């Protein structure tokens, strides 16, 4: 059975959202400021790294690392040049 899990974070004025779709063919989709910037199939419960860019001048490379399972999916935002890993909060729809 497929299920969608949504995550979000506001990072330095930019909206980063991720959708983790679980089931037979897990998929991770990432939106930055409302535009789809990454789409990657997942393999089982292994973490998936989706490379994206934040629209700054110059663009800032970042990665959304998503884990589909086991249990509840999780997402974090990793921004190049920032030593911290930012946990993306789950959103209910």
C-alpha atoms as a PDB file:
ATOM      1  CA  UNK A   1       0.000   0.000   0.000  1.00  0.00           C
ATOM      2  CA  UNK A   2       1.359   3.402  -0.996  1.00  0.00           C
ATOM      3  CA  UNK A   3       1.500   6.208   1.523  1.00  0.00           C
ATOM      4  CA  UNK A   4       2.777   9.787   1.228  1.00  0.00           C
ATOM      5  CA  UNK A   5       4.735  11.520   3.986  1.00  0.00           C
ATOM      6  CA  UNK A   6       5.442  15.267   3.756  1.00  0.00           C
ATOM      7  CA  UNK A   7       8.309  17.210   5.352  1.00  0.00           C
ATOM      8  CA  UNK A   8       9.183  20.918   5.368  1.00  0.00           C
ATOM      9  CA  UNK A   9      11.785  23.402   6.532  1.00  0.00           C
ATOM     10  CA  UNK A  10      12.359  27.128   5.994  1.00  0.00           C
ATOM     11  CA  UNK A  11      16.070  27.698   5.525  1.00  0.00           C
ATOM     12  CA  UNK A  12      17.403  31.251   5.207  1.00  0.00           C
ATOM     13  CA  UNK A  13      14.286  32.536   3.488  1.00  0.00           C
ATOM     14  CA  UNK A  14      13.771  29.509   1.235  1.00  0.00           C
ATOM     15  CA  UNK A  15      11.052  26.887   1.514  1.00  0.00           C
ATOM     16  CA  UNK A  16      12.251  23.289   1.157  1.00  0.00           C
ATOM     17  CA  UNK A  17       9.613  20.540   1.050  1.00  0.00           C
ATOM     18  CA  UNK A  18      10.001  16.812   0.547  1.00  0.00           C
ATOM     19  CA  UNK A  19       7.477  14.072  -0.128  1.00  0.00           C
ATOM     20  CA  UNK A  20       8.433  10.480   0.610  1.00  0.00           C
ATOM     21  CA  UNK A  21       6.103   8.004  -1.060  1.00  0.00           C
ATOM     22  CA  UNK A  22       6.387   4.515   0.409  1.00  0.00           C
ATOM     23  CA  UNK A  23       5.131   1.219  -0.970  1.00  0.00           C
ATOM     24  CA  UNK A  24       6.318  -1.118  -3.722  1.00  0.00           C
ATOM     25  CA  UNK A  25       8.242   1.666  -5.519  1.00  0.00           C
ATOM     26  CA  UNK A  26       9.321   4.308  -2.989  1.00  0.00           C
ATOM     27  CA  UNK A  27      10.016   7.779  -4.420  1.00  0.00           C
ATOM     28  CA  UNK A  28      11.398  11.000  -2.930  1.00  0.00           C
ATOM     29  CA  UNK A  29      10.356  14.331  -4.450  1.00  0.00           C
ATOM     30  CA  UNK A  30      11.865  17.682  -3.365  1.00  0.00           C
ATOM     31  CA  UNK A  31      10.514  21.183  -3.960  1.00  0.00           C
ATOM     32  CA  UNK A  32      12.471  24.392  -3.339  1.00  0.00           C
ATOM     33  CA  UNK A  33      10.350  27.548  -3.168  1.00  0.00           C
ATOM     34  CA  UNK A  34       7.448  25.594  -4.683  1.00  0.00           C
ATOM     35  CA  UNK A  35       9.340  24.289  -7.725  1.00  0.00           C
ATOM     36  CA  UNK A  36      10.265  20.626  -8.167  1.00  0.00           C
ATOM     37  CA  UNK A  37      14.052  20.416  -8.099  1.00  0.00           C
ATOM     38  CA  UNK A  38      14.664  16.759  -7.326  1.00  0.00           C
ATOM     39  CA  UNK A  39      12.974  13.408  -7.878  1.00  0.00           C
ATOM     40  CA  UNK A  40      14.683  10.127  -6.986  1.00  0.00           C
ATOM     41  CA  UNK A  41      13.474   6.550  -6.590  1.00  0.00           C
ATOM     42  CA  UNK A  42      14.324   4.922  -3.271  1.00  0.00           C
ATOM     43  CA  UNK A  43      15.529   1.375  -2.750  1.00  0.00           C
ATOM     44  CA  UNK A  44      13.851  -0.272   0.209  1.00  0.00           C
ATOM     45  CA  UNK A  45      14.656   1.278   3.569  1.00  0.00           C
ATOM     46  CA  UNK A  46      18.071   2.658   2.593  1.00  0.00           C
ATOM     47  CA  UNK A  47      18.655   6.427   2.842  1.00  0.00           C
ATOM     48  CA  UNK A  48      18.403   8.404  -0.401  1.00  0.00           C
ATOM     49  CA  UNK A  49      20.325  11.608  -1.098  1.00  0.00           C
ATOM     50  CA  UNK A  50      18.556  14.049  -3.432  1.00  0.00           C
ATOM     51  CA  UNK A  51      20.851  16.879  -4.629  1.00  0.00           C
ATOM     52  CA  UNK A  52      19.191  20.308  -4.951  1.00  0.00           C
ATOM     53  CA  UNK A  53      20.247  23.958  -5.184  1.00  0.00           C
ATOM     54  CA  UNK A  54      18.960  26.855  -3.135  1.00  0.00           C
ATOM     55  CA  UNK A  55      18.259  29.877  -5.381  1.00  0.00           C
ATOM     56  CA  UNK A  56      20.832  32.249  -3.935  1.00  0.00           C
ATOM     57  CA  UNK A  57      23.434  34.271  -5.808  1.00  0.00           C
ATOM     58  CA  UNK A  58      25.474  32.150  -6.502  1.00  0.00           C
ATOM     59  CA  UNK A  59      23.273  29.042  -6.081  1.00  0.00           C
ATOM     60  CA  UNK A  60      23.951  27.071  -2.894  1.00  0.00           C
ATOM     61  CA  UNK A  61      24.267  23.276  -3.301  1.00  0.00           C
ATOM     62  CA  UNK A  62      22.301  21.253  -0.773  1.00  0.00           C
ATOM     63  CA  UNK A  63      21.128  17.683  -0.253  1.00  0.00           C
ATOM     64  CA  UNK A  64      17.901  16.312   1.159  1.00  0.00           C
ATOM     65  CA  UNK A  65      18.588  12.945   2.746  1.00  0.00           C
ATOM     66  CA  UNK A  66      15.430  10.881   3.127  1.00  0.00           C
ATOM     67  CA  UNK A  67      14.927   7.526   4.811  1.00  0.00           C
ATOM     68  CA  UNK A  68      11.708   5.728   3.870  1.00  0.00           C
ATOM     69  CA  UNK A  69      11.816   3.290   6.782  1.00  0.00           C
ATOM     70  CA  UNK A  70      11.751   1.125   8.727  1.00  0.00           C
ATOM     71  CA  UNK A  71       8.984   2.786  10.662  1.00  0.00           C
ATOM     72  CA  UNK A  72       8.166   6.426  10.018  1.00  0.00           C
ATOM     73  CA  UNK A  73      10.120   8.135   7.182  1.00  0.00           C
ATOM     74  CA  UNK A  74      12.546  10.938   8.053  1.00  0.00           C
ATOM     75  CA  UNK A  75      14.198  13.789   6.122  1.00  0.00           C
ATOM     76  CA  UNK A  76      17.119  16.106   6.819  1.00  0.00           C
ATOM     77  CA  UNK A  77      18.543  19.060   4.886  1.00  0.00           C
ATOM     78  CA  UNK A  78      22.320  19.251   4.470  1.00  0.00           C
ATOM     79  CA  UNK A  79      23.598  22.548   3.049  1.00  0.00           C
ATOM     80  CA  UNK A  80      27.132  22.913   1.686  1.00  0.00           C
ATOM     81  CA  UNK A  81      29.166  25.201   3.933  1.00  0.00           C
ATOM     82  CA  UNK A  82      26.822  24.776   6.916  1.00  0.00           C
ATOM     83  CA  UNK A  83      28.194  22.383   9.555  1.00  0.00           C
ATOM     84  CA  UNK A  84      24.708  21.622  10.916  1.00  0.00           C
ATOM     85  CA  UNK A  85      22.253  19.021   9.661  1.00  0.00           C
ATOM     86  CA  UNK A  86      18.695  20.399   9.719  1.00  0.00           C
ATOM     87  CA  UNK A  87      15.830  18.044  10.555  1.00  0.00           C
ATOM     88  CA  UNK A  88      12.801  18.613   8.340  1.00  0.00           C
ATOM     89  CA  UNK A  89       9.537  18.654  10.291  1.00  0.00           C
ATOM     90  CA  UNK A  90       6.743  16.287   9.232  1.00  0.00           C
ATOM     91  CA  UNK A  91       3.593  17.975   7.867  1.00  0.00           C
ATOM     92  CA  UNK A  92       0.103  16.569   7.937  1.00  0.00           C
ATOM     93  CA  UNK A  93      -2.106  17.005   4.871  1.00  0.00           C
END
